[in-house]
C-alpha atoms as a PDB file:
ATOM      1  CA  UNK A   1       0.091   0.034  -0.199  1.00  0.00           C
ATOM      2  CA  UNK A   2       3.060   2.287  -0.031  1.00  0.00           C
ATOM      3  CA  UNK A   3       2.510   2.887  -3.734  1.00  0.00           C
ATOM      4  CA  UNK A   4      -1.255   3.815  -3.038  1.00  0.00           C
ATOM      5  CA  UNK A   5      -0.338   6.131   0.040  1.00  0.00           C
ATOM      6  CA  UNK A   6       2.150   8.028  -2.350  1.00  0.00           C
ATOM      7  CA  UNK A   7      -0.170   8.464  -5.255  1.00  0.00           C
ATOM      8  CA  UNK A   8      -3.255   9.234  -3.264  1.00  0.00           C
ATOM      9  CA  UNK A   9      -2.336  10.721   0.234  1.00  0.00           C
ATOM     10  CA  UNK A  10       0.845  12.559  -0.818  1.00  0.00           C
ATOM     11  CA  UNK A  11       0.190  12.972  -4.477  1.00  0.00           C
ATOM     12  CA  UNK A  12       3.005  12.651  -7.364  1.00  0.00           C
ATOM     13  CA  UNK A  13       3.174  15.517  -9.825  1.00  0.00           C
ATOM     14  CA  UNK A  14       1.731  14.358 -13.475  1.00  0.00           C
ATOM     15  CA  UNK A  15       0.230  11.225 -12.004  1.00  0.00           C
ATOM     16  CA  UNK A  16      -3.451  10.245 -10.934  1.00  0.00           C
ATOM     17  CA  UNK A  17      -4.703   7.487  -9.138  1.00  0.00           C
ATOM     18  CA  UNK A  18      -7.602   6.051 -10.864  1.00  0.00           C
ATOM     19  CA  UNK A  19      -8.173   2.564  -9.494  1.00  0.00           C
ATOM     20  CA  UNK A  20      -6.934   0.195  -6.836  1.00  0.00           C
ATOM     21  CA  UNK A  21      -6.919  -3.445  -7.639  1.00  0.00           C
ATOM     22  CA  UNK A  22      -6.895  -5.548  -4.143  1.00  0.00           C
ATOM     23  CA  UNK A  23      -7.995  -9.430  -4.174  1.00  0.00           C
ATOM     24  CA  UNK A  24      -9.071  -8.815  -0.449  1.00  0.00           C
ATOM     25  CA  UNK A  25     -11.406  -5.622   0.181  1.00  0.00           C
ATOM     26  CA  UNK A  26     -12.766  -6.778   3.262  1.00  0.00           C
ATOM     27  CA  UNK A  27      -9.520  -6.202   5.438  1.00  0.00           C
ATOM     28  CA  UNK A  28      -8.712  -2.804   6.531  1.00  0.00           C
ATOM     29  CA  UNK A  29      -5.873  -1.067   5.002  1.00  0.00           C
ATOM     30  CA  UNK A  30      -3.781   1.717   6.433  1.00  0.00           C
ATOM     31  CA  UNK A  31      -4.649   3.877   3.598  1.00  0.00           C
ATOM     32  CA  UNK A  32      -8.140   5.581   3.287  1.00  0.00           C
ATOM     33  CA  UNK A  33      -9.389   5.618  -0.119  1.00  0.00           C
ATOM     34  CA  UNK A  34     -12.929   5.957  -1.675  1.00  0.00           C
ATOM     35  CA  UNK A  35     -14.758   2.785  -2.427  1.00  0.00           C
ATOM     36  CA  UNK A  36     -15.507   3.817  -5.752  1.00  0.00           C
ATOM     37  CA  UNK A  37     -11.791   3.703  -6.418  1.00  0.00           C
ATOM     38  CA  UNK A  38     -11.539   0.041  -5.269  1.00  0.00           C
ATOM     39  CA  UNK A  39     -12.040  -3.336  -7.170  1.00  0.00           C
ATOM     40  CA  UNK A  40     -11.064  -6.850  -7.124  1.00  0.00           C
ATOM     41  CA  UNK A  41     -11.307  -7.111 -10.898  1.00  0.00           C
ATOM     42  CA  UNK A  42      -7.915  -6.488 -12.347  1.00  0.00           C
ATOM     43  CA  UNK A  43      -9.112  -7.203 -15.808  1.00  0.00           C
ATOM     44  CA  UNK A  44     -11.264  -4.107 -15.875  1.00  0.00           C
ATOM     45  CA  UNK A  45      -8.382  -2.038 -14.586  1.00  0.00           C
ATOM     46  CA  UNK A  46      -5.791  -3.530 -17.581  1.00  0.00           C
ATOM     47  CA  UNK A  47      -8.282  -2.895 -20.232  1.00  0.00           C
ATOM     48  CA  UNK A  48     -10.261   0.311 -19.490  1.00  0.00           C
ATOM     49  CA  UNK A  49      -9.598   3.218 -21.423  1.00  0.00           C
ATOM     50  CA  UNK A  50      -9.284   5.798 -18.610  1.00  0.00           C
ATOM     51  CA  UNK A  51      -5.612   5.068 -17.706  1.00  0.00           C
ATOM     52  CA  UNK A  52      -2.649   5.066 -19.466  1.00  0.00           C
ATOM     53  CA  UNK A  53      -0.651   3.184 -17.248  1.00  0.00           C
ATOM     54  CA  UNK A  54      -0.678   0.500 -14.648  1.00  0.00           C
ATOM     55  CA  UNK A  55       1.533   0.239 -11.624  1.00  0.00           C
ATOM     56  CA  UNK A  56       2.052  -3.638 -10.354  1.00  0.00           C
ATOM     57  CA  UNK A  57       3.050  -4.197  -6.693  1.00  0.00           C
ATOM     58  CA  UNK A  58       2.056  -7.763  -6.858  1.00  0.00           C
ATOM     59  CA  UNK A  59       4.870 -10.435  -6.228  1.00  0.00           C
ATOM     60  CA  UNK A  60       5.242 -13.936  -7.756  1.00  0.00           C
ATOM     61  CA  UNK A  61       4.691 -15.016 -11.023  1.00  0.00           C
ATOM     62  CA  UNK A  62       1.024 -15.466 -11.429  1.00  0.00           C
ATOM     63  CA  UNK A  63      -1.456 -13.722 -11.674  1.00  0.00           C
ATOM     64  CA  UNK A  64       1.048 -10.888 -12.021  1.00  0.00           C
ATOM     65  CA  UNK A  65       2.144 -12.127 -15.563  1.00  0.00           C
ATOM     66  CA  UNK A  66      -1.593 -12.202 -16.869  1.00  0.00           C
ATOM     67  CA  UNK A  67      -2.282  -8.797 -15.327  1.00  0.00           C
ATOM     68  CA  UNK A  68       0.562  -7.346 -16.906  1.00  0.00           C
ATOM     69  CA  UNK A  69       0.683  -9.029 -20.177  1.00  0.00           C
ATOM     70  CA  UNK A  70      -2.980  -7.904 -20.552  1.00  0.00           C
ATOM     71  CA  UNK A  71      -2.463  -4.441 -19.550  1.00  0.00           C
ATOM     72  CA  UNK A  72       0.587  -4.168 -22.055  1.00  0.00           C
ATOM     73  CA  UNK A  73      -1.724  -5.664 -24.872  1.00  0.00           C
ATOM     74  CA  UNK A  74      -4.025  -2.877 -24.081  1.00  0.00           C
ATOM     75  CA  UNK A  75      -1.519  -0.425 -24.836  1.00  0.00           C
ATOM     76  CA  UNK A  76      -0.811   0.661 -21.462  1.00  0.00           C
ATOM     77  CA  UNK A  77       2.710   1.366 -19.972  1.00  0.00           C
ATOM     78  CA  UNK A  78       3.190  -1.064 -16.781  1.00  0.00           C
ATOM     79  CA  UNK A  79       5.890  -0.266 -14.012  1.00  0.00           C
ATOM     80  CA  UNK A  80       6.783  -3.263 -11.650  1.00  0.00           C
ATOM     81  CA  UNK A  81       9.825  -4.145  -9.402  1.00  0.00           C
ATOM     82  CA  UNK A  82       8.629  -7.844  -9.449  1.00  0.00           C
ATOM     83  CA  UNK A  83      11.848  -9.466  -9.866  1.00  0.00           C
ATOM     84  CA  UNK A  84      10.734 -12.967  -9.603  1.00  0.00           C
ATOM     85  CA  UNK A  85       8.385 -12.331 -12.753  1.00  0.00           C
ATOM     86  CA  UNK A  86      11.142 -10.620 -14.567  1.00  0.00           C
ATOM     87  CA  UNK A  87      14.295 -12.069 -13.878  1.00  0.00           C
ATOM     88  CA  UNK A  88      14.155 -15.242 -15.680  1.00  0.00           C
ATOM     89  CA  UNK A  89      13.100 -13.645 -19.006  1.00  0.00           C
ATOM     90  CA  UNK A  90      15.552 -10.701 -19.293  1.00  0.00           C
ATOM     91  CA  UNK A  91      18.445 -11.278 -21.738  1.00  0.00           C
ATOM     92  CA  UNK A  92      21.505  -8.968 -21.209  1.00  0.00           C
ATOM     93  CA  UNK A  93      21.508  -6.970 -24.516  1.00  0.00           C
ATOM     94  CA  UNK A  94      21.828  -3.600 -25.814  1.00  0.00           C
ATOM     95  CA  UNK A  95      19.397  -1.998 -25.222  1.00  0.00           C
ATOM     96  CA  UNK A  96      17.681  -4.177 -22.635  1.00  0.00           C
ATOM     97  CA  UNK A  97      15.058  -6.245 -24.108  1.00  0.00           C
ATOM     98  CA  UNK A  98      12.299  -8.314 -22.610  1.00  0.00           C
ATOM     99  CA  UNK A  99      11.827 -11.480 -24.538  1.00  0.00           C
END
């Protein structure tokens, strides 16, 4: 929820938090955001035309890979720090390229 806090509570110039996907909408979180911004449906967020980028803070390979591939196929920029998903797929070349 650190990314949500930074984007929603503190704000980042040039970025607007549109939706937050959480598989568990019942557990209380330290960040208070409007319920209209919460969903457990990642497909709707990855395919909606209202956002141009997608930030992923989910760990592991699945469903992270499916979520990111859906967002990319729908023309979204994707930002992630998911090393477990990326590391086995990266070939070092010039420039760096995901295969």
